[in-house]
N, C-alpha and C. Protein backbone atom coordinates (compact mmCIF):
# COMPACT_ATOMS: atom_id res chain seq x y z
N MET A 1 0.84 -1.18 0.00
CA MET A 1 0.00 0.00 0.00
C MET A 1 0.89 1.25 0.00
N PRO A 2 0.59 2.23 -0.87
CA PRO A 2 1.42 3.44 -0.93
C PRO A 2 1.39 4.21 0.39
N THR A 3 2.49 4.85 0.68
CA THR A 3 2.55 5.69 1.87
C THR A 3 2.24 7.13 1.48
N GLU A 4 2.25 8.00 2.46
CA GLU A 4 1.96 9.40 2.22
C GLU A 4 3.06 10.04 1.37
N LEU A 5 2.64 10.96 0.51
CA LEU A 5 3.59 11.67 -0.34
C LEU A 5 4.33 12.71 0.50
N GLN A 6 5.61 12.88 0.21
CA GLN A 6 6.44 13.87 0.89
C GLN A 6 6.83 14.93 -0.14
N PHE A 7 6.59 16.21 0.18
CA PHE A 7 6.93 17.32 -0.71
C PHE A 7 8.21 17.96 -0.20
N VAL A 8 9.24 18.00 -1.04
CA VAL A 8 10.54 18.50 -0.63
C VAL A 8 10.99 19.62 -1.58
N TRP A 9 11.12 20.83 -1.04
CA TRP A 9 11.61 21.98 -1.81
C TRP A 9 13.10 22.14 -1.55
N SER A 10 13.85 22.51 -2.59
CA SER A 10 15.26 22.81 -2.39
C SER A 10 15.80 23.59 -3.58
N GLY A 11 16.87 24.32 -3.32
CA GLY A 11 17.63 24.92 -4.39
C GLY A 11 18.53 23.85 -4.99
N LEU A 12 19.15 24.15 -6.09
CA LEU A 12 20.00 23.17 -6.76
C LEU A 12 21.14 22.71 -5.85
N ASP A 13 21.73 23.64 -5.11
CA ASP A 13 22.84 23.29 -4.23
C ASP A 13 22.40 22.43 -3.05
N GLY A 14 21.09 22.39 -2.77
CA GLY A 14 20.58 21.59 -1.67
C GLY A 14 20.25 20.16 -2.04
N LEU A 15 20.44 19.81 -3.29
CA LEU A 15 20.15 18.45 -3.75
C LEU A 15 21.39 17.57 -3.58
N ALA A 16 21.20 16.44 -2.95
CA ALA A 16 22.29 15.46 -2.87
C ALA A 16 22.54 14.91 -4.27
N PRO A 17 23.73 14.46 -4.56
CA PRO A 17 24.02 13.96 -5.91
C PRO A 17 23.03 12.92 -6.41
N ARG A 18 22.64 11.98 -5.58
CA ARG A 18 21.68 10.95 -6.01
C ARG A 18 20.30 11.55 -6.30
N ASP A 19 19.90 12.57 -5.53
CA ASP A 19 18.62 13.23 -5.77
C ASP A 19 18.66 14.02 -7.07
N LEU A 20 19.77 14.70 -7.31
CA LEU A 20 19.94 15.43 -8.57
C LEU A 20 19.91 14.47 -9.75
N TYR A 21 20.58 13.37 -9.63
CA TYR A 21 20.58 12.37 -10.71
C TYR A 21 19.17 11.87 -10.98
N ALA A 22 18.41 11.52 -9.93
CA ALA A 22 17.05 11.01 -10.11
C ALA A 22 16.17 12.06 -10.78
N MET A 23 16.32 13.32 -10.38
CA MET A 23 15.54 14.41 -10.96
C MET A 23 15.85 14.58 -12.44
N LEU A 24 17.11 14.64 -12.77
CA LEU A 24 17.51 14.84 -14.17
C LEU A 24 17.16 13.61 -15.02
N LYS A 25 17.30 12.42 -14.45
CA LYS A 25 16.94 11.21 -15.19
C LYS A 25 15.45 11.20 -15.52
N LEU A 26 14.60 11.55 -14.55
CA LEU A 26 13.16 11.60 -14.81
C LEU A 26 12.85 12.63 -15.88
N ARG A 27 13.48 13.78 -15.82
CA ARG A 27 13.22 14.82 -16.83
C ARG A 27 13.64 14.35 -18.22
N VAL A 28 14.82 13.77 -18.34
CA VAL A 28 15.28 13.30 -19.65
C VAL A 28 14.44 12.12 -20.12
N ASP A 29 14.16 11.17 -19.23
CA ASP A 29 13.34 10.02 -19.62
C ASP A 29 11.97 10.45 -20.13
N THR A 30 11.39 11.49 -19.53
CA THR A 30 10.07 11.95 -19.93
C THR A 30 10.11 12.86 -21.14
N PHE A 31 10.84 13.97 -21.02
CA PHE A 31 10.78 15.01 -22.05
C PHE A 31 11.59 14.70 -23.30
N VAL A 32 12.65 13.92 -23.16
CA VAL A 32 13.49 13.62 -24.32
C VAL A 32 13.15 12.24 -24.89
N VAL A 33 13.17 11.21 -24.05
CA VAL A 33 12.99 9.84 -24.53
C VAL A 33 11.51 9.52 -24.78
N GLU A 34 10.67 9.62 -23.74
CA GLU A 34 9.26 9.25 -23.87
C GLU A 34 8.55 10.08 -24.94
N GLN A 35 8.84 11.39 -24.97
CA GLN A 35 8.17 12.26 -25.93
C GLN A 35 8.94 12.36 -27.24
N ASN A 36 10.02 11.59 -27.36
CA ASN A 36 10.82 11.54 -28.58
C ASN A 36 11.14 12.95 -29.07
N CYS A 37 11.74 13.74 -28.17
CA CYS A 37 11.97 15.15 -28.45
C CYS A 37 13.38 15.55 -28.03
N PRO A 38 14.35 15.39 -28.92
CA PRO A 38 15.71 15.80 -28.57
C PRO A 38 15.79 17.33 -28.48
N TYR A 39 16.08 17.81 -27.30
CA TYR A 39 16.23 19.25 -27.07
C TYR A 39 17.15 19.43 -25.87
N PRO A 40 17.65 20.65 -25.66
CA PRO A 40 18.59 20.88 -24.55
C PRO A 40 17.87 20.93 -23.20
N GLU A 41 17.70 19.80 -22.58
CA GLU A 41 17.02 19.72 -21.28
C GLU A 41 17.73 20.54 -20.21
N LEU A 42 19.04 20.53 -20.22
CA LEU A 42 19.80 21.34 -19.27
C LEU A 42 19.93 22.73 -19.88
N ASP A 43 19.06 23.65 -19.42
CA ASP A 43 18.88 24.93 -20.09
C ASP A 43 19.49 26.12 -19.36
N GLY A 44 20.23 25.88 -18.29
CA GLY A 44 20.87 26.97 -17.57
C GLY A 44 19.96 27.67 -16.56
N LYS A 45 18.73 27.19 -16.38
CA LYS A 45 17.80 27.83 -15.46
C LYS A 45 17.70 27.13 -14.10
N ASP A 46 18.24 25.94 -14.00
CA ASP A 46 18.11 25.18 -12.76
C ASP A 46 18.82 25.83 -11.57
N GLN A 47 19.90 26.58 -11.84
CA GLN A 47 20.65 27.20 -10.76
C GLN A 47 19.80 28.22 -10.00
N ASP A 48 18.87 28.90 -10.68
CA ASP A 48 18.05 29.93 -10.04
C ASP A 48 16.69 29.40 -9.60
N ALA A 49 16.38 28.18 -9.91
CA ALA A 49 15.06 27.62 -9.63
C ALA A 49 14.98 27.02 -8.23
N LEU A 50 13.74 26.92 -7.76
CA LEU A 50 13.43 26.10 -6.60
C LEU A 50 12.85 24.81 -7.14
N HIS A 51 13.35 23.70 -6.66
CA HIS A 51 12.97 22.40 -7.18
C HIS A 51 12.04 21.72 -6.17
N LEU A 52 10.91 21.24 -6.66
CA LEU A 52 9.96 20.52 -5.81
C LEU A 52 9.96 19.07 -6.23
N ARG A 53 10.38 18.22 -5.29
CA ARG A 53 10.36 16.78 -5.52
C ARG A 53 9.26 16.18 -4.66
N VAL A 54 8.48 15.30 -5.24
CA VAL A 54 7.47 14.56 -4.49
C VAL A 54 8.01 13.14 -4.36
N LEU A 55 8.16 12.71 -3.11
CA LEU A 55 8.72 11.40 -2.84
C LEU A 55 7.66 10.49 -2.22
N GLU A 56 7.75 9.23 -2.56
CA GLU A 56 6.93 8.20 -1.92
C GLU A 56 7.83 7.02 -1.64
N ASP A 57 7.96 6.69 -0.37
CA ASP A 57 8.87 5.62 0.05
C ASP A 57 10.29 5.84 -0.50
N GLY A 58 10.72 7.10 -0.53
CA GLY A 58 12.05 7.45 -1.00
C GLY A 58 12.20 7.51 -2.51
N GLU A 59 11.16 7.13 -3.24
CA GLU A 59 11.19 7.12 -4.70
C GLU A 59 10.64 8.44 -5.23
N LEU A 60 11.26 8.97 -6.29
CA LEU A 60 10.79 10.20 -6.91
C LEU A 60 9.51 9.93 -7.67
N ALA A 61 8.40 10.48 -7.18
CA ALA A 61 7.08 10.27 -7.78
C ALA A 61 6.72 11.38 -8.76
N ALA A 62 7.19 12.61 -8.49
CA ALA A 62 6.88 13.74 -9.34
C ALA A 62 7.89 14.85 -9.09
N TYR A 63 7.91 15.80 -10.01
CA TYR A 63 8.88 16.89 -9.94
C TYR A 63 8.35 18.10 -10.69
N LEU A 64 8.74 19.27 -10.24
CA LEU A 64 8.61 20.50 -11.01
C LEU A 64 9.60 21.51 -10.47
N ARG A 65 9.75 22.59 -11.22
CA ARG A 65 10.61 23.67 -10.75
C ARG A 65 9.84 24.97 -10.83
N VAL A 66 10.21 25.90 -9.95
CA VAL A 66 9.64 27.24 -9.94
C VAL A 66 10.78 28.22 -10.14
N LEU A 67 10.62 29.07 -11.14
CA LEU A 67 11.58 30.15 -11.38
C LEU A 67 11.00 31.41 -10.75
N PRO A 68 11.77 32.06 -9.88
CA PRO A 68 11.26 33.28 -9.24
C PRO A 68 11.08 34.40 -10.27
N PRO A 69 10.23 35.37 -9.93
CA PRO A 69 10.01 36.48 -10.86
C PRO A 69 11.30 37.23 -11.15
N VAL A 70 11.41 37.72 -12.36
CA VAL A 70 12.52 38.58 -12.76
C VAL A 70 11.92 39.94 -13.08
N ASP A 71 12.47 40.99 -12.48
CA ASP A 71 11.96 42.34 -12.63
C ASP A 71 10.46 42.36 -12.32
N ASP A 72 9.64 42.78 -13.26
CA ASP A 72 8.19 42.86 -13.04
C ASP A 72 7.45 41.63 -13.56
N GLY A 73 8.17 40.59 -13.91
CA GLY A 73 7.56 39.42 -14.52
C GLY A 73 6.90 38.49 -13.51
N PRO A 74 6.28 37.44 -14.02
CA PRO A 74 5.62 36.46 -13.17
C PRO A 74 6.59 35.42 -12.62
N ALA A 75 6.15 34.71 -11.60
CA ALA A 75 6.83 33.47 -11.21
C ALA A 75 6.50 32.47 -12.31
N GLN A 76 7.36 31.48 -12.52
CA GLN A 76 7.12 30.50 -13.58
C GLN A 76 7.23 29.08 -13.03
N ILE A 77 6.24 28.28 -13.37
CA ILE A 77 6.26 26.86 -13.05
C ILE A 77 6.63 26.12 -14.32
N GLY A 78 7.54 25.17 -14.21
CA GLY A 78 7.94 24.42 -15.39
C GLY A 78 8.43 23.03 -15.06
N ARG A 79 8.68 22.26 -16.12
CA ARG A 79 9.20 20.90 -16.02
C ARG A 79 8.32 20.02 -15.13
N VAL A 80 7.02 20.18 -15.23
CA VAL A 80 6.08 19.41 -14.41
C VAL A 80 6.05 17.97 -14.93
N ILE A 81 6.37 17.02 -14.05
CA ILE A 81 6.46 15.61 -14.45
C ILE A 81 5.91 14.73 -13.33
N VAL A 82 5.18 13.71 -13.73
CA VAL A 82 4.81 12.63 -12.81
C VAL A 82 5.46 11.36 -13.37
N ALA A 83 6.16 10.66 -12.51
CA ALA A 83 6.83 9.42 -12.93
C ALA A 83 5.78 8.43 -13.43
N PRO A 84 6.12 7.64 -14.47
CA PRO A 84 5.16 6.66 -15.01
C PRO A 84 4.55 5.77 -13.94
N SER A 85 5.32 5.39 -12.95
CA SER A 85 4.82 4.49 -11.89
C SER A 85 3.79 5.15 -10.98
N HIS A 86 3.63 6.48 -11.09
CA HIS A 86 2.71 7.20 -10.21
C HIS A 86 1.60 7.90 -10.98
N ARG A 87 1.53 7.69 -12.26
CA ARG A 87 0.48 8.34 -13.05
C ARG A 87 -0.87 7.70 -12.76
N GLY A 88 -1.92 8.49 -12.94
CA GLY A 88 -3.27 8.00 -12.70
C GLY A 88 -3.68 8.02 -11.24
N ARG A 89 -2.89 8.67 -10.40
CA ARG A 89 -3.16 8.69 -8.96
C ARG A 89 -3.33 10.12 -8.43
N LYS A 90 -3.54 11.08 -9.32
CA LYS A 90 -3.76 12.49 -8.96
C LYS A 90 -2.52 13.16 -8.38
N VAL A 91 -1.34 12.59 -8.60
CA VAL A 91 -0.11 13.19 -8.09
C VAL A 91 0.16 14.52 -8.80
N GLY A 92 -0.19 14.61 -10.08
CA GLY A 92 -0.02 15.87 -10.81
C GLY A 92 -0.83 16.99 -10.20
N GLU A 93 -2.05 16.69 -9.79
CA GLU A 93 -2.88 17.71 -9.13
C GLU A 93 -2.25 18.14 -7.80
N LYS A 94 -1.74 17.18 -7.06
CA LYS A 94 -1.17 17.49 -5.75
C LYS A 94 0.08 18.35 -5.87
N ILE A 95 0.95 18.05 -6.84
CA ILE A 95 2.17 18.84 -6.98
C ILE A 95 1.84 20.25 -7.47
N MET A 96 0.83 20.37 -8.33
CA MET A 96 0.44 21.71 -8.79
C MET A 96 -0.15 22.53 -7.65
N HIS A 97 -0.98 21.94 -6.82
CA HIS A 97 -1.52 22.67 -5.66
C HIS A 97 -0.38 23.16 -4.77
N GLU A 98 0.60 22.31 -4.53
CA GLU A 98 1.75 22.67 -3.70
C GLU A 98 2.53 23.82 -4.34
N ALA A 99 2.77 23.75 -5.64
CA ALA A 99 3.54 24.79 -6.33
C ALA A 99 2.80 26.13 -6.32
N ILE A 100 1.51 26.10 -6.57
CA ILE A 100 0.72 27.34 -6.56
C ILE A 100 0.73 27.95 -5.16
N ALA A 101 0.55 27.14 -4.13
CA ALA A 101 0.57 27.64 -2.76
C ALA A 101 1.93 28.27 -2.44
N HIS A 102 3.00 27.63 -2.90
CA HIS A 102 4.34 28.16 -2.67
C HIS A 102 4.50 29.52 -3.35
N CYS A 103 4.07 29.62 -4.61
CA CYS A 103 4.18 30.89 -5.34
C CYS A 103 3.35 31.98 -4.66
N ARG A 104 2.15 31.63 -4.22
CA ARG A 104 1.28 32.61 -3.55
C ARG A 104 1.93 33.11 -2.25
N ALA A 105 2.58 32.20 -1.52
CA ALA A 105 3.21 32.57 -0.25
C ALA A 105 4.46 33.42 -0.46
N HIS A 106 5.26 33.10 -1.48
CA HIS A 106 6.54 33.77 -1.67
C HIS A 106 6.50 34.93 -2.67
N PHE A 107 5.55 34.91 -3.57
CA PHE A 107 5.42 35.96 -4.59
C PHE A 107 3.95 36.39 -4.68
N PRO A 108 3.37 36.90 -3.57
CA PRO A 108 1.92 37.10 -3.50
C PRO A 108 1.34 38.08 -4.52
N ASP A 109 2.10 39.01 -4.97
CA ASP A 109 1.57 40.01 -5.90
C ASP A 109 1.93 39.71 -7.35
N ARG A 110 2.36 38.51 -7.62
CA ARG A 110 2.81 38.16 -8.96
C ARG A 110 1.91 37.11 -9.59
N ASP A 111 1.70 37.26 -10.90
CA ASP A 111 1.05 36.20 -11.66
C ASP A 111 1.96 34.98 -11.66
N ILE A 112 1.39 33.84 -11.99
CA ILE A 112 2.17 32.62 -12.17
C ILE A 112 2.00 32.20 -13.62
N ALA A 113 3.10 31.96 -14.31
CA ALA A 113 3.06 31.62 -15.73
C ALA A 113 3.58 30.21 -15.94
N LEU A 114 3.15 29.61 -17.04
CA LEU A 114 3.72 28.35 -17.48
C LEU A 114 3.53 28.20 -18.98
N SER A 115 4.38 27.40 -19.56
CA SER A 115 4.27 27.04 -20.97
C SER A 115 3.79 25.60 -21.00
N ALA A 116 2.50 25.43 -21.35
CA ALA A 116 1.88 24.11 -21.28
C ALA A 116 1.91 23.41 -22.62
N GLN A 117 2.16 22.11 -22.58
CA GLN A 117 1.91 21.34 -23.79
C GLN A 117 0.41 21.45 -24.04
N SER A 118 0.04 21.71 -25.28
CA SER A 118 -1.36 22.03 -25.60
C SER A 118 -2.36 20.99 -25.12
N HIS A 119 -2.00 19.73 -25.15
CA HIS A 119 -2.95 18.71 -24.71
C HIS A 119 -3.24 18.77 -23.21
N LEU A 120 -2.47 19.59 -22.46
CA LEU A 120 -2.67 19.74 -21.03
C LEU A 120 -3.37 21.06 -20.67
N LYS A 121 -3.89 21.75 -21.66
CA LYS A 121 -4.57 23.03 -21.43
C LYS A 121 -5.70 22.89 -20.41
N ALA A 122 -6.53 21.88 -20.52
CA ALA A 122 -7.65 21.69 -19.58
C ALA A 122 -7.14 21.36 -18.18
N PHE A 123 -6.07 20.57 -18.10
CA PHE A 123 -5.49 20.23 -16.78
C PHE A 123 -5.10 21.50 -16.05
N TYR A 124 -4.31 22.37 -16.70
CA TYR A 124 -3.88 23.61 -16.05
C TYR A 124 -5.03 24.58 -15.89
N GLY A 125 -5.98 24.55 -16.81
CA GLY A 125 -7.16 25.39 -16.69
C GLY A 125 -7.95 25.10 -15.43
N ALA A 126 -7.95 23.85 -14.97
CA ALA A 126 -8.66 23.47 -13.76
C ALA A 126 -8.10 24.17 -12.51
N PHE A 127 -6.87 24.67 -12.59
CA PHE A 127 -6.25 25.41 -11.48
C PHE A 127 -6.44 26.91 -11.63
N GLY A 128 -7.10 27.33 -12.70
CA GLY A 128 -7.33 28.75 -12.94
C GLY A 128 -6.40 29.39 -13.96
N PHE A 129 -5.49 28.60 -14.53
CA PHE A 129 -4.61 29.14 -15.57
C PHE A 129 -5.43 29.39 -16.83
N ALA A 130 -5.18 30.52 -17.47
CA ALA A 130 -5.89 30.88 -18.70
C ALA A 130 -4.87 31.10 -19.82
N PRO A 131 -5.20 30.72 -21.05
CA PRO A 131 -4.29 30.94 -22.18
C PRO A 131 -4.00 32.43 -22.38
N VAL A 132 -2.75 32.74 -22.67
CA VAL A 132 -2.35 34.12 -22.98
C VAL A 132 -1.59 34.20 -24.29
N SER A 133 -1.61 33.11 -25.05
CA SER A 133 -0.95 33.10 -26.37
C SER A 133 -1.74 32.18 -27.29
N GLU A 134 -1.41 32.28 -28.53
CA GLU A 134 -1.89 31.30 -29.50
C GLU A 134 -1.01 30.06 -29.35
N GLU A 135 -1.48 28.96 -29.88
CA GLU A 135 -0.67 27.75 -29.86
C GLU A 135 0.56 27.95 -30.73
N TYR A 136 1.68 27.41 -30.27
CA TYR A 136 2.94 27.48 -31.01
C TYR A 136 3.65 26.14 -30.84
N VAL A 137 4.59 25.89 -31.72
CA VAL A 137 5.34 24.63 -31.66
C VAL A 137 6.72 24.93 -31.10
N GLU A 138 7.04 24.20 -30.02
CA GLU A 138 8.36 24.31 -29.41
C GLU A 138 8.97 22.92 -29.36
N ASP A 139 10.13 22.76 -29.96
CA ASP A 139 10.82 21.47 -29.99
C ASP A 139 9.92 20.37 -30.56
N GLY A 140 9.10 20.73 -31.54
CA GLY A 140 8.25 19.76 -32.22
C GLY A 140 6.96 19.42 -31.50
N ILE A 141 6.66 20.08 -30.39
CA ILE A 141 5.47 19.79 -29.59
C ILE A 141 4.62 21.06 -29.48
N PRO A 142 3.31 20.97 -29.77
CA PRO A 142 2.44 22.14 -29.61
C PRO A 142 2.34 22.58 -28.15
N HIS A 143 2.49 23.88 -27.93
CA HIS A 143 2.43 24.48 -26.60
C HIS A 143 1.49 25.68 -26.61
N ILE A 144 1.14 26.13 -25.42
CA ILE A 144 0.39 27.37 -25.24
C ILE A 144 0.85 28.00 -23.92
N ASP A 145 1.06 29.32 -23.93
CA ASP A 145 1.42 30.01 -22.70
C ASP A 145 0.15 30.26 -21.89
N MET A 146 0.27 30.06 -20.58
CA MET A 146 -0.89 30.23 -19.70
C MET A 146 -0.45 31.02 -18.46
N ARG A 147 -1.43 31.72 -17.86
CA ARG A 147 -1.16 32.50 -16.64
C ARG A 147 -2.28 32.34 -15.64
N LEU A 148 -1.87 32.40 -14.39
CA LEU A 148 -2.79 32.45 -13.26
C LEU A 148 -2.60 33.82 -12.62
N ALA A 149 -3.65 34.63 -12.58
CA ALA A 149 -3.54 35.99 -12.07
C ALA A 149 -3.25 35.99 -10.58
N ALA A 150 -2.53 37.02 -10.15
CA ALA A 150 -2.15 37.18 -8.74
C ALA A 150 -3.36 37.33 -7.84
């Protein structure tokens, strides 16, 4: 029987090597291999991000990162992933609720932005995110920019 999910926030320097490896492996396995999309997964933004890992029995169940606002811009949620072994269990909803609460607590007067794969528009819409762009193709995958107002 699954145990309770553990939500762990950290900066890049706060990740142990094995935790960093598990995080990067899940991202590459999902965004590069599973989605058959060769692109530069290591994009230079992880150093400034806060990383949210969802653990169950020590196993990485889900992950996302939050980029803090720059100048007058929004906070940004990205790299949202649920491990294949944890899909279909509402873990994606739980990690999004946690990320939104974190952004509201730390950046209360800022919108929250994300670049959603288009097929996930309704998923993010359920949290109040609304489209702010037309659909566009990034790395061969249709996307749409979405925002949640402050």
